[in-house]
Amino acid sequence: MRDLTIRLENRPGALAEMGEALGSAGVSVEGGDAFVFGGAGIAHFLFEDGTAARKALEEKGIEVLADREVLVQRLNQDRPGQLGKISRLMAEAGVNIEVIYSDHQNQLILVVDDLENGRAVSDAWKNQPAK
């Protein structure tokens, strides 16, 4: 799975145009978020095929700022504190979580600055008994 960082114009219809460009190319959005900060629209969206998504967006003049592999994690939603626990483990491993959101399957999507160490933490989390 790939997270694309996308610059969107801060105006009505910009998100619609992005969605239409992806839809016309047969590319499905698997999760993500979009927000306005400092007057600029920034989006992070998750794709199975980042290359196809990037191509569809760029063909419509939509700027892709970054294309990054993500960590996908399932938290036990019945146990409070899960986000704090996994975030603490990442921090202790020296991994900075730069972007976090959920996908359409209620999985946590993490974009981190150190994929190798982040993957080690994520894999260890997945292999532990219920937390």
N, C-alpha and C. Protein backbone atom coordinates (compact mmCIF):
# COMPACT_ATOMS: atom_id res chain seq x y z
N MET A 1 0.84 -1.18 0.00
CA MET A 1 0.00 0.00 0.00
C MET A 1 0.88 1.24 0.00
N ARG A 2 0.40 2.27 -0.68
CA ARG A 2 1.16 3.51 -0.83
C ARG A 2 0.33 4.69 -0.36
N ASP A 3 0.99 5.60 0.33
CA ASP A 3 0.38 6.87 0.71
C ASP A 3 0.91 7.94 -0.24
N LEU A 4 0.00 8.63 -0.91
CA LEU A 4 0.40 9.76 -1.74
C LEU A 4 0.04 11.04 -1.01
N THR A 5 1.00 11.93 -0.93
CA THR A 5 0.76 13.27 -0.41
C THR A 5 0.42 14.13 -1.62
N ILE A 6 -0.75 14.75 -1.57
CA ILE A 6 -1.28 15.46 -2.73
C ILE A 6 -1.58 16.91 -2.35
N ARG A 7 -1.13 17.83 -3.18
CA ARG A 7 -1.47 19.25 -2.97
C ARG A 7 -2.77 19.53 -3.74
N LEU A 8 -3.73 20.07 -3.01
CA LEU A 8 -5.00 20.45 -3.63
C LEU A 8 -5.19 21.95 -3.48
N GLU A 9 -5.80 22.54 -4.47
CA GLU A 9 -6.14 23.95 -4.34
C GLU A 9 -7.19 24.10 -3.25
N ASN A 10 -7.13 25.19 -2.51
CA ASN A 10 -8.08 25.46 -1.44
C ASN A 10 -9.28 26.21 -2.04
N ARG A 11 -10.13 25.42 -2.74
CA ARG A 11 -11.31 26.01 -3.38
C ARG A 11 -12.36 24.92 -3.57
N PRO A 12 -13.62 25.31 -3.67
CA PRO A 12 -14.67 24.33 -3.92
C PRO A 12 -14.40 23.55 -5.21
N GLY A 13 -14.55 22.25 -5.14
CA GLY A 13 -14.40 21.40 -6.32
C GLY A 13 -13.05 20.74 -6.48
N ALA A 14 -12.03 21.19 -5.73
CA ALA A 14 -10.69 20.60 -5.90
C ALA A 14 -10.69 19.12 -5.52
N LEU A 15 -11.33 18.79 -4.41
CA LEU A 15 -11.38 17.39 -3.99
C LEU A 15 -12.21 16.57 -4.97
N ALA A 16 -13.29 17.15 -5.47
CA ALA A 16 -14.12 16.45 -6.47
C ALA A 16 -13.30 16.13 -7.72
N GLU A 17 -12.51 17.10 -8.17
CA GLU A 17 -11.69 16.87 -9.35
C GLU A 17 -10.67 15.76 -9.12
N MET A 18 -10.10 15.71 -7.93
CA MET A 18 -9.17 14.65 -7.61
C MET A 18 -9.88 13.29 -7.66
N GLY A 19 -11.02 13.21 -7.01
CA GLY A 19 -11.78 11.96 -7.01
C GLY A 19 -12.23 11.53 -8.39
N GLU A 20 -12.64 12.49 -9.21
CA GLU A 20 -13.05 12.18 -10.58
C GLU A 20 -11.89 11.68 -11.41
N ALA A 21 -10.72 12.29 -11.24
CA ALA A 21 -9.53 11.86 -11.99
C ALA A 21 -9.19 10.41 -11.65
N LEU A 22 -9.24 10.10 -10.37
CA LEU A 22 -8.94 8.73 -9.94
C LEU A 22 -10.01 7.76 -10.45
N GLY A 23 -11.27 8.14 -10.31
CA GLY A 23 -12.36 7.28 -10.76
C GLY A 23 -12.31 7.00 -12.25
N SER A 24 -12.02 8.03 -13.03
CA SER A 24 -11.92 7.86 -14.48
C SER A 24 -10.81 6.88 -14.87
N ALA A 25 -9.78 6.83 -14.04
CA ALA A 25 -8.65 5.94 -14.31
C ALA A 25 -8.85 4.56 -13.68
N GLY A 26 -9.98 4.35 -13.00
CA GLY A 26 -10.25 3.06 -12.36
C GLY A 26 -9.43 2.82 -11.11
N VAL A 27 -8.98 3.90 -10.46
CA VAL A 27 -8.16 3.78 -9.25
C VAL A 27 -9.03 4.02 -8.03
N SER A 28 -9.00 3.09 -7.10
CA SER A 28 -9.79 3.19 -5.88
C SER A 28 -8.98 3.76 -4.73
N VAL A 29 -9.61 4.64 -3.96
CA VAL A 29 -9.01 5.18 -2.74
C VAL A 29 -9.31 4.20 -1.62
N GLU A 30 -8.28 3.79 -0.89
CA GLU A 30 -8.44 2.80 0.18
C GLU A 30 -8.56 3.42 1.57
N GLY A 31 -8.29 4.72 1.67
CA GLY A 31 -8.37 5.42 2.94
C GLY A 31 -7.67 6.75 2.79
N GLY A 32 -7.74 7.58 3.82
CA GLY A 32 -7.00 8.83 3.77
C GLY A 32 -7.67 9.97 4.47
N ASP A 33 -7.08 11.15 4.26
CA ASP A 33 -7.62 12.37 4.83
C ASP A 33 -7.18 13.56 4.00
N ALA A 34 -7.85 14.67 4.20
CA ALA A 34 -7.49 15.91 3.52
C ALA A 34 -7.82 17.05 4.47
N PHE A 35 -7.01 18.10 4.43
CA PHE A 35 -7.22 19.23 5.32
C PHE A 35 -6.61 20.48 4.71
N VAL A 36 -6.99 21.61 5.26
CA VAL A 36 -6.42 22.89 4.84
C VAL A 36 -5.56 23.39 6.00
N PHE A 37 -4.33 23.75 5.69
CA PHE A 37 -3.42 24.29 6.69
C PHE A 37 -2.65 25.43 6.05
N GLY A 38 -2.66 26.58 6.70
CA GLY A 38 -1.95 27.74 6.15
C GLY A 38 -2.45 28.13 4.77
N GLY A 39 -3.72 27.90 4.51
CA GLY A 39 -4.31 28.28 3.24
C GLY A 39 -4.10 27.29 2.11
N ALA A 40 -3.37 26.20 2.37
CA ALA A 40 -3.10 25.19 1.33
C ALA A 40 -3.84 23.90 1.63
N GLY A 41 -4.34 23.27 0.59
CA GLY A 41 -4.98 21.97 0.74
C GLY A 41 -3.94 20.87 0.64
N ILE A 42 -3.91 20.00 1.63
CA ILE A 42 -2.99 18.86 1.65
C ILE A 42 -3.83 17.60 1.88
N ALA A 43 -3.56 16.58 1.11
CA ALA A 43 -4.28 15.32 1.26
C ALA A 43 -3.28 14.17 1.36
N HIS A 44 -3.66 13.18 2.14
CA HIS A 44 -2.93 11.91 2.19
C HIS A 44 -3.97 10.85 1.87
N PHE A 45 -3.74 10.14 0.78
CA PHE A 45 -4.66 9.07 0.42
C PHE A 45 -3.88 7.78 0.18
N LEU A 46 -4.54 6.68 0.50
CA LEU A 46 -3.97 5.35 0.44
C LEU A 46 -4.43 4.65 -0.83
N PHE A 47 -3.46 4.03 -1.53
CA PHE A 47 -3.76 3.34 -2.78
C PHE A 47 -3.07 1.99 -2.83
N GLU A 48 -3.76 1.04 -3.41
CA GLU A 48 -3.16 -0.27 -3.68
C GLU A 48 -2.07 -0.11 -4.75
N ASP A 49 -2.37 0.71 -5.75
CA ASP A 49 -1.44 0.94 -6.86
C ASP A 49 -1.09 2.43 -6.91
N GLY A 50 -0.03 2.79 -6.21
CA GLY A 50 0.39 4.18 -6.14
C GLY A 50 0.82 4.75 -7.48
N THR A 51 1.39 3.90 -8.32
CA THR A 51 1.85 4.36 -9.63
C THR A 51 0.68 4.79 -10.50
N ALA A 52 -0.37 3.98 -10.52
CA ALA A 52 -1.56 4.32 -11.31
C ALA A 52 -2.23 5.57 -10.76
N ALA A 53 -2.28 5.69 -9.44
CA ALA A 53 -2.90 6.87 -8.82
C ALA A 53 -2.10 8.13 -9.18
N ARG A 54 -0.80 8.05 -9.04
CA ARG A 54 0.05 9.21 -9.36
C ARG A 54 -0.14 9.63 -10.82
N LYS A 55 -0.13 8.67 -11.71
CA LYS A 55 -0.29 8.95 -13.14
C LYS A 55 -1.62 9.64 -13.41
N ALA A 56 -2.71 9.12 -12.83
CA ALA A 56 -4.04 9.70 -13.04
C ALA A 56 -4.10 11.13 -12.53
N LEU A 57 -3.50 11.37 -11.38
CA LEU A 57 -3.53 12.71 -10.80
C LEU A 57 -2.69 13.69 -11.62
N GLU A 58 -1.48 13.28 -11.93
CA GLU A 58 -0.58 14.18 -12.66
C GLU A 58 -1.09 14.51 -14.06
N GLU A 59 -1.78 13.55 -14.69
CA GLU A 59 -2.36 13.82 -16.01
C GLU A 59 -3.42 14.92 -15.94
N LYS A 60 -4.03 15.11 -14.78
CA LYS A 60 -5.04 16.16 -14.60
C LYS A 60 -4.44 17.41 -13.97
N GLY A 61 -3.11 17.45 -13.84
CA GLY A 61 -2.46 18.63 -13.30
C GLY A 61 -2.50 18.73 -11.79
N ILE A 62 -2.78 17.63 -11.12
CA ILE A 62 -2.83 17.61 -9.65
C ILE A 62 -1.46 17.17 -9.15
N GLU A 63 -0.88 17.98 -8.30
CA GLU A 63 0.50 17.75 -7.85
C GLU A 63 0.58 16.69 -6.76
N VAL A 64 1.43 15.70 -7.00
CA VAL A 64 1.74 14.68 -6.00
C VAL A 64 3.09 15.06 -5.38
N LEU A 65 3.08 15.31 -4.09
CA LEU A 65 4.28 15.77 -3.40
C LEU A 65 5.17 14.63 -2.94
N ALA A 66 4.56 13.49 -2.61
CA ALA A 66 5.34 12.34 -2.12
C ALA A 66 4.55 11.06 -2.34
N ASP A 67 5.28 9.97 -2.45
CA ASP A 67 4.72 8.63 -2.62
C ASP A 67 5.51 7.74 -1.67
N ARG A 68 4.85 7.24 -0.62
CA ARG A 68 5.57 6.49 0.41
C ARG A 68 4.85 5.20 0.79
N GLU A 69 5.64 4.20 1.07
CA GLU A 69 5.11 2.94 1.60
C GLU A 69 4.61 3.19 3.02
N VAL A 70 3.60 2.45 3.41
CA VAL A 70 3.01 2.64 4.74
C VAL A 70 3.09 1.37 5.57
N LEU A 71 2.87 1.54 6.87
CA LEU A 71 2.67 0.42 7.77
C LEU A 71 1.17 0.32 8.01
N VAL A 72 0.66 -0.90 7.99
CA VAL A 72 -0.77 -1.14 8.21
C VAL A 72 -0.89 -1.95 9.50
N GLN A 73 -1.68 -1.45 10.42
CA GLN A 73 -1.77 -2.07 11.73
C GLN A 73 -3.23 -2.14 12.17
N ARG A 74 -3.59 -3.21 12.83
CA ARG A 74 -4.92 -3.31 13.42
C ARG A 74 -4.77 -3.17 14.92
N LEU A 75 -5.54 -2.25 15.48
CA LEU A 75 -5.55 -2.08 16.93
C LEU A 75 -6.79 -2.76 17.50
N ASN A 76 -6.69 -3.17 18.74
CA ASN A 76 -7.82 -3.77 19.44
C ASN A 76 -8.69 -2.62 19.94
N GLN A 77 -9.75 -2.32 19.22
CA GLN A 77 -10.60 -1.17 19.53
C GLN A 77 -11.34 -1.31 20.85
N ASP A 78 -11.44 -2.51 21.37
CA ASP A 78 -12.11 -2.72 22.66
C ASP A 78 -11.22 -2.41 23.84
N ARG A 79 -9.94 -2.14 23.60
CA ARG A 79 -8.99 -1.87 24.68
C ARG A 79 -8.49 -0.44 24.59
N PRO A 80 -8.91 0.43 25.51
CA PRO A 80 -8.42 1.81 25.49
C PRO A 80 -6.89 1.85 25.62
N GLY A 81 -6.29 2.84 24.99
CA GLY A 81 -4.86 3.04 25.11
C GLY A 81 -4.02 2.45 24.01
N GLN A 82 -4.63 1.83 23.03
CA GLN A 82 -3.89 1.16 21.96
C GLN A 82 -3.02 2.13 21.17
N LEU A 83 -3.56 3.27 20.82
CA LEU A 83 -2.79 4.25 20.06
C LEU A 83 -1.58 4.72 20.85
N GLY A 84 -1.78 4.99 22.12
CA GLY A 84 -0.67 5.41 22.97
C GLY A 84 0.41 4.35 23.07
N LYS A 85 -0.01 3.09 23.18
CA LYS A 85 0.97 2.00 23.32
C LYS A 85 1.81 1.82 22.07
N ILE A 86 1.17 1.76 20.92
CA ILE A 86 1.96 1.54 19.71
C ILE A 86 2.79 2.77 19.37
N SER A 87 2.26 3.95 19.65
CA SER A 87 3.03 5.18 19.42
C SER A 87 4.24 5.24 20.34
N ARG A 88 4.09 4.80 21.58
CA ARG A 88 5.22 4.78 22.52
C ARG A 88 6.29 3.81 22.04
N LEU A 89 5.88 2.63 21.56
CA LEU A 89 6.85 1.65 21.04
C LEU A 89 7.61 2.22 19.84
N MET A 90 6.89 2.92 18.97
CA MET A 90 7.55 3.55 17.83
C MET A 90 8.57 4.58 18.32
N ALA A 91 8.16 5.41 19.26
CA ALA A 91 9.05 6.45 19.79
C ALA A 91 10.29 5.84 20.43
N GLU A 92 10.10 4.78 21.20
CA GLU A 92 11.23 4.13 21.86
C GLU A 92 12.20 3.52 20.85
N ALA A 93 11.69 3.18 19.66
CA ALA A 93 12.54 2.65 18.59
C ALA A 93 13.14 3.76 17.74
N GLY A 94 12.85 5.02 18.11
CA GLY A 94 13.38 6.15 17.36
C GLY A 94 12.62 6.45 16.07
N VAL A 95 11.40 5.95 15.98
CA VAL A 95 10.59 6.12 14.78
C VAL A 95 9.59 7.25 15.00
N ASN A 96 9.60 8.21 14.09
CA ASN A 96 8.65 9.31 14.15
C ASN A 96 7.47 9.01 13.23
N ILE A 97 6.27 9.06 13.78
CA ILE A 97 5.04 8.88 12.98
C ILE A 97 4.71 10.24 12.38
N GLU A 98 4.79 10.33 11.07
CA GLU A 98 4.58 11.61 10.39
C GLU A 98 3.14 11.82 9.96
N VAL A 99 2.45 10.73 9.62
CA VAL A 99 1.04 10.80 9.21
C VAL A 99 0.35 9.57 9.76
N ILE A 100 -0.88 9.75 10.22
CA ILE A 100 -1.67 8.63 10.73
C ILE A 100 -3.13 8.83 10.33
N TYR A 101 -3.75 7.78 9.85
CA TYR A 101 -5.18 7.81 9.53
C TYR A 101 -5.68 6.38 9.46
N SER A 102 -6.96 6.19 9.21
CA SER A 102 -7.54 4.85 9.10
C SER A 102 -7.93 4.57 7.65
N ASP A 103 -7.89 3.29 7.30
CA ASP A 103 -8.36 2.91 5.97
C ASP A 103 -9.83 2.48 6.06
N HIS A 104 -10.37 2.01 4.97
CA HIS A 104 -11.79 1.64 4.92
C HIS A 104 -12.08 0.32 5.64
N GLN A 105 -11.03 -0.36 6.11
CA GLN A 105 -11.21 -1.60 6.86
C GLN A 105 -10.90 -1.41 8.35
N ASN A 106 -10.92 -0.15 8.79
CA ASN A 106 -10.64 0.21 10.18
C ASN A 106 -9.25 -0.20 10.64
N GLN A 107 -8.31 -0.16 9.72
CA GLN A 107 -6.92 -0.42 10.07
C GLN A 107 -6.20 0.91 10.19
N LEU A 108 -5.22 0.95 11.07
CA LEU A 108 -4.41 2.14 11.27
C LEU A 108 -3.34 2.20 10.20
N ILE A 109 -3.23 3.33 9.53
CA ILE A 109 -2.22 3.55 8.50
C ILE A 109 -1.19 4.51 9.07
N LEU A 110 0.07 4.10 9.05
CA LEU A 110 1.15 4.90 9.59
C LEU A 110 2.17 5.20 8.51
N VAL A 111 2.48 6.48 8.34
CA VAL A 111 3.57 6.91 7.48
C VAL A 111 4.67 7.35 8.44
N VAL A 112 5.82 6.68 8.37
CA VAL A 112 6.88 6.92 9.34
C VAL A 112 8.17 7.36 8.66
N ASP A 113 9.06 7.94 9.46
CA ASP A 113 10.33 8.43 8.91
C ASP A 113 11.39 7.33 8.78
N ASP A 114 11.17 6.21 9.43
CA ASP A 114 12.13 5.09 9.41
C ASP A 114 11.33 3.81 9.18
N LEU A 115 11.14 3.46 7.93
CA LEU A 115 10.29 2.33 7.57
C LEU A 115 10.82 1.01 8.14
N GLU A 116 12.12 0.79 8.09
CA GLU A 116 12.69 -0.47 8.56
C GLU A 116 12.43 -0.68 10.06
N ASN A 117 12.76 0.30 10.88
CA ASN A 117 12.52 0.16 12.32
C ASN A 117 11.03 0.19 12.65
N GLY A 118 10.28 1.00 11.91
CA GLY A 118 8.83 1.02 12.10
C GLY A 118 8.20 -0.32 11.79
N ARG A 119 8.68 -0.96 10.73
CA ARG A 119 8.15 -2.28 10.37
C ARG A 119 8.47 -3.30 11.46
N ALA A 120 9.66 -3.22 12.05
CA ALA A 120 10.03 -4.14 13.14
C ALA A 120 9.07 -3.99 14.32
N VAL A 121 8.76 -2.75 14.68
CA VAL A 121 7.82 -2.50 15.78
C VAL A 121 6.43 -3.01 15.41
N SER A 122 5.99 -2.70 14.20
CA SER A 122 4.67 -3.11 13.74
C SER A 122 4.54 -4.64 13.70
N ASP A 123 5.57 -5.30 13.19
CA ASP A 123 5.53 -6.77 13.13
C ASP A 123 5.51 -7.38 14.52
N ALA A 124 6.28 -6.83 15.45
CA ALA A 124 6.29 -7.33 16.83
C ALA A 124 4.91 -7.15 17.45
N TRP A 125 4.27 -6.02 17.19
CA TRP A 125 2.92 -5.74 17.72
C TRP A 125 1.93 -6.78 17.20
N LYS A 126 2.00 -7.08 15.91
CA LYS A 126 1.09 -8.04 15.30
C LYS A 126 1.26 -9.44 15.87
N ASN A 127 2.48 -9.77 16.27
CA ASN A 127 2.77 -11.12 16.74
C ASN A 127 2.59 -11.32 18.24
N GLN A 128 2.18 -10.29 18.95
CA GLN A 128 1.93 -10.42 20.39
C GLN A 128 0.50 -10.89 20.63
N PRO A 129 0.30 -11.57 21.77
CA PRO A 129 -1.09 -11.91 22.13
C PRO A 129 -1.88 -10.62 22.36
N ALA A 130 -3.19 -10.73 22.48
CA ALA A 130 -4.06 -9.57 22.66
C ALA A 130 -3.48 -8.60 23.67
N LYS A 131 -3.44 -7.33 23.29
CA LYS A 131 -2.82 -6.30 24.12
C LYS A 131 -3.84 -5.56 24.91
